[in-house]
């Protein structure tokens, strides 16, 4: 997994992409997941567990690393005034497939409590727009997540 992430950061010659460390990418993803979990105004143990599960699965983190990351993400998310500071880390470093995976991660978290709040749906829609993910791709990502659950 780490090699795959490192490969994503390999900059072609002459490229002027903004680079971010793996830790920054993890923190940005975690902050977006925490934001999604908070939107229904019920950030409970079920949703926190979903965030933990998604982060551990996707980034192969230990329990301690994941707990630290979530604490940092909660603090950063609480201070954030917009989503762009998190989104730009994905837009400038990830290809389209990785951006779609982020959308799937968001769907996993918002469906953790068994229901979709309109604010959660709107958040994912806005993030998709910023990441250049189409409405169709967003719907397909949602269907993939619902098919697993």
Protein backbone atom coordinates (compact mmCIF):
# COMPACT_ATOMS: atom_id res chain seq x y z
CA UNK A 1 0.00 0.00 0.00
CA UNK A 2 2.74 2.46 0.93
CA UNK A 3 4.54 1.75 -2.36
CA UNK A 4 1.30 2.44 -4.24
CA UNK A 5 0.91 5.74 -2.43
CA UNK A 6 4.55 6.64 -3.07
CA UNK A 7 4.06 5.82 -6.75
CA UNK A 8 1.22 8.32 -6.84
CA UNK A 9 3.66 11.02 -5.79
CA UNK A 10 6.22 10.21 -8.47
CA UNK A 11 6.35 13.43 -10.43
CA UNK A 12 6.82 13.25 -14.18
CA UNK A 13 9.66 15.41 -15.47
CA UNK A 14 8.59 19.00 -15.96
CA UNK A 15 5.48 18.57 -13.83
CA UNK A 16 4.58 21.35 -11.43
CA UNK A 17 2.16 19.39 -9.22
CA UNK A 18 1.92 20.46 -5.61
CA UNK A 19 3.30 17.69 -3.43
CA UNK A 20 1.98 16.61 -0.06
CA UNK A 21 3.36 14.07 2.36
CA UNK A 22 1.57 10.80 3.00
CA UNK A 23 0.75 12.09 6.49
CA UNK A 24 -0.91 15.18 5.00
CA UNK A 25 -2.96 12.99 2.65
CA UNK A 26 -4.03 10.76 5.54
CA UNK A 27 -4.96 13.79 7.63
CA UNK A 28 -6.93 15.36 4.78
CA UNK A 29 -8.84 12.12 4.17
CA UNK A 30 -9.52 11.68 7.86
CA UNK A 31 -10.72 15.29 8.21
CA UNK A 32 -13.15 14.84 5.31
CA UNK A 33 -14.45 11.60 6.81
CA UNK A 34 -14.89 13.24 10.22
CA UNK A 35 -16.68 16.16 8.55
CA UNK A 36 -19.05 13.74 6.82
CA UNK A 37 -19.69 11.90 10.09
CA UNK A 38 -20.50 15.17 11.91
CA UNK A 39 -22.99 16.54 9.40
CA UNK A 40 -26.04 14.71 10.72
CA UNK A 41 -25.24 16.22 14.12
CA UNK A 42 -24.83 12.74 15.59
CA UNK A 43 -21.15 11.84 15.66
CA UNK A 44 -21.51 8.76 17.80
CA UNK A 45 -19.50 5.59 18.34
CA UNK A 46 -21.00 3.91 15.24
CA UNK A 47 -19.82 6.69 12.95
CA UNK A 48 -16.45 7.00 14.69
CA UNK A 49 -15.98 3.25 14.31
CA UNK A 50 -16.80 3.58 10.59
CA UNK A 51 -14.15 6.29 10.22
CA UNK A 52 -11.62 4.12 12.06
CA UNK A 53 -12.48 1.08 9.94
CA UNK A 54 -12.19 2.95 6.64
CA UNK A 55 -8.90 4.60 7.58
CA UNK A 56 -7.33 1.40 8.88
CA UNK A 57 -8.46 -0.54 5.84
CA UNK A 58 -7.41 2.04 3.27
CA UNK A 59 -4.14 3.25 4.78
CA UNK A 60 -3.07 0.12 6.68
CA UNK A 61 -2.70 1.92 10.00
CA UNK A 62 -2.18 0.43 13.45
CA UNK A 63 -4.73 1.13 16.18
CA UNK A 64 -2.43 3.72 17.74
CA UNK A 65 -1.71 5.45 14.42
CA UNK A 66 -5.40 5.53 13.60
CA UNK A 67 -6.38 6.97 16.99
CA UNK A 68 -3.75 9.70 16.66
CA UNK A 69 -4.85 10.47 13.11
CA UNK A 70 -8.50 10.76 14.11
CA UNK A 71 -7.66 13.05 17.04
CA UNK A 72 -5.69 15.30 14.69
CA UNK A 73 -8.46 15.16 12.07
CA UNK A 74 -11.12 16.12 14.61
CA UNK A 75 -9.04 19.11 15.70
CA UNK A 76 -8.24 20.21 12.13
CA UNK A 77 -11.82 19.69 10.98
CA UNK A 78 -13.12 21.74 13.91
CA UNK A 79 -10.85 24.66 12.95
CA UNK A 80 -11.45 24.42 9.19
CA UNK A 81 -13.42 27.15 7.46
CA UNK A 82 -13.70 25.35 4.13
CA UNK A 83 -13.14 22.00 2.46
CA UNK A 84 -10.77 23.17 -0.23
CA UNK A 85 -7.69 22.95 1.97
CA UNK A 86 -8.34 19.20 2.24
CA UNK A 87 -9.58 18.63 -1.30
CA UNK A 88 -6.57 20.19 -3.01
CA UNK A 89 -4.34 17.49 -1.55
CA UNK A 90 -6.32 14.89 -3.50
CA UNK A 91 -6.89 16.94 -6.60
CA UNK A 92 -3.20 17.65 -7.10
CA UNK A 93 -1.80 14.25 -6.13
CA UNK A 94 -4.31 11.56 -7.01
CA UNK A 95 -5.58 10.21 -10.26
CA UNK A 96 -9.25 9.77 -11.00
CA UNK A 97 -9.45 6.22 -9.59
CA UNK A 98 -8.04 7.34 -6.23
CA UNK A 99 -10.50 10.24 -6.09
CA UNK A 100 -13.34 7.78 -6.69
CA UNK A 101 -12.02 5.65 -3.83
CA UNK A 102 -12.18 8.70 -1.55
CA UNK A 103 -15.84 9.14 -2.53
CA UNK A 104 -16.50 5.50 -1.69
CA UNK A 105 -14.86 6.02 1.69
CA UNK A 106 -17.17 8.98 2.33
CA UNK A 107 -20.23 6.92 1.37
CA UNK A 108 -19.12 4.18 3.79
CA UNK A 109 -18.98 6.66 6.65
CA UNK A 110 -22.27 8.43 5.96
CA UNK A 111 -24.14 5.12 5.68
CA UNK A 112 -22.59 3.73 8.88
CA UNK A 113 -25.65 4.73 10.91
CA UNK A 114 -28.02 3.21 8.37
CA UNK A 115 -29.43 6.42 6.97
CA UNK A 116 -28.38 9.24 4.68
CA UNK A 117 -28.92 12.77 5.93
CA UNK A 118 -29.43 15.43 3.22
CA UNK A 119 -26.42 17.39 4.52
CA UNK A 120 -24.23 14.31 4.11
CA UNK A 121 -25.41 13.80 0.56
CA UNK A 122 -24.79 17.47 -0.20
CA UNK A 123 -21.27 17.29 1.20
CA UNK A 124 -20.39 14.36 -1.03
CA UNK A 125 -21.91 16.14 -4.01
CA UNK A 126 -19.78 19.23 -3.34
CA UNK A 127 -16.63 17.18 -2.85
CA UNK A 128 -17.32 15.34 -6.11
CA UNK A 129 -17.60 18.66 -7.90
CA UNK A 130 -14.28 19.84 -6.52
CA UNK A 131 -12.61 16.54 -7.47
CA UNK A 132 -14.13 16.47 -10.96
CA UNK A 133 -16.13 13.32 -10.23
CA UNK A 134 -19.34 13.18 -12.27
CA UNK A 135 -22.81 12.67 -10.84
CA UNK A 136 -22.93 9.26 -12.50
CA UNK A 137 -19.61 8.22 -10.94
CA UNK A 138 -20.81 9.44 -7.55
CA UNK A 139 -24.00 7.37 -7.89
CA UNK A 140 -22.02 4.31 -9.00
CA UNK A 141 -19.66 4.69 -6.00
CA UNK A 142 -22.69 4.89 -3.73
CA UNK A 143 -24.16 1.75 -5.27
CA UNK A 144 -20.89 -0.14 -4.81
CA UNK A 145 -20.85 0.77 -1.12
CA UNK A 146 -24.50 -0.15 -0.62
CA UNK A 147 -23.98 -3.50 -2.40
CA UNK A 148 -21.29 -4.46 0.11
CA UNK A 149 -23.30 -3.50 3.17
